[in-house]
Amino acid sequence: MLLVVAVALTPGGFLLLLAYVATRTVRERWRMARARAELEGEASVSFRAVLATVELKELVRQARSTL
């Protein structure tokens, strides 16, 4: 409930929430990609490859579900 009030009252609150969700999602995807690369014996994972898996539609859906 407090998050809903903060998003509603803060100018640009939804964009701040979307940025938070995006950061959290990218960090989780980065962790999963690194673990998968380690299991498969690959040297490294590029940040570009991780960002390519993130979709704006998914981020908006996660931000709305947070509220």
Protein backbone atom coordinates (compact mmCIF):
# COMPACT_ATOMS: atom_id res chain seq x y z
CA MET A 1 0.00 0.00 0.00
CA LEU A 2 2.83 2.38 0.85
CA LEU A 3 4.43 1.71 -2.53
CA VAL A 4 1.18 2.63 -4.31
CA VAL A 5 1.01 5.93 -2.44
CA ALA A 6 4.67 6.69 -3.14
CA VAL A 7 4.25 5.99 -6.85
CA ALA A 8 1.05 8.02 -7.05
CA LEU A 9 2.40 11.06 -5.16
CA THR A 10 5.96 11.22 -6.45
CA PRO A 11 6.40 12.98 -9.79
CA GLY A 12 7.72 10.35 -12.17
CA GLY A 13 7.03 7.66 -9.60
CA PHE A 14 6.06 5.02 -12.14
CA LEU A 15 9.27 5.63 -14.08
CA LEU A 16 11.27 5.24 -10.86
CA LEU A 17 9.46 1.98 -10.14
CA LEU A 18 10.08 0.81 -13.70
CA ALA A 19 13.80 1.63 -13.36
CA TYR A 20 13.93 -0.34 -10.09
CA VAL A 21 12.21 -3.34 -11.65
CA ALA A 22 14.50 -3.16 -14.70
CA THR A 23 17.60 -3.10 -12.53
CA ARG A 24 16.37 -6.01 -10.45
CA THR A 25 15.46 -8.01 -13.56
CA VAL A 26 18.77 -7.38 -15.33
CA ARG A 27 20.74 -8.33 -12.22
CA GLU A 28 18.77 -11.59 -11.90
CA ARG A 29 19.18 -12.41 -15.59
CA TRP A 30 22.91 -11.62 -15.35
CA ARG A 31 23.27 -13.98 -12.39
CA MET A 32 21.37 -16.75 -14.19
CA ALA A 33 23.41 -16.30 -17.39
CA ARG A 34 26.68 -16.43 -15.48
CA ALA A 35 25.60 -19.61 -13.67
CA ARG A 36 24.49 -21.23 -16.95
CA ALA A 37 27.78 -20.26 -18.65
CA GLU A 38 29.73 -21.70 -15.76
CA LEU A 39 27.84 -24.99 -16.00
CA GLU A 40 28.34 -25.18 -19.76
CA GLY A 41 32.03 -24.32 -19.47
CA GLU A 42 31.84 -21.04 -21.38
CA ALA A 43 34.34 -18.29 -20.58
CA SER A 44 31.99 -15.35 -20.05
CA VAL A 45 28.62 -13.82 -20.80
CA SER A 46 28.25 -10.49 -22.52
CA PHE A 47 26.10 -7.80 -20.96
CA ARG A 48 24.57 -7.17 -24.38
CA ALA A 49 23.33 -10.77 -24.53
CA VAL A 50 21.69 -10.35 -21.13
CA LEU A 51 20.01 -7.08 -22.13
CA ALA A 52 18.72 -8.70 -25.31
CA THR A 53 16.57 -11.05 -23.22
CA VAL A 54 14.77 -8.24 -21.35
CA GLU A 55 11.56 -6.90 -22.90
CA LEU A 56 9.85 -3.64 -22.00
CA LYS A 57 6.45 -5.34 -21.97
CA GLU A 58 7.68 -7.77 -19.32
CA LEU A 59 9.11 -4.93 -17.19
CA VAL A 60 5.85 -2.98 -17.29
CA ARG A 61 3.91 -6.11 -16.34
CA GLN A 62 6.23 -6.69 -13.35
CA ALA A 63 5.97 -3.05 -12.26
CA ARG A 64 2.16 -3.19 -12.39
CA SER A 65 2.09 -6.44 -10.45
CA THR A 66 4.30 -4.84 -7.79
CA LEU A 67 1.63 -2.23 -7.22
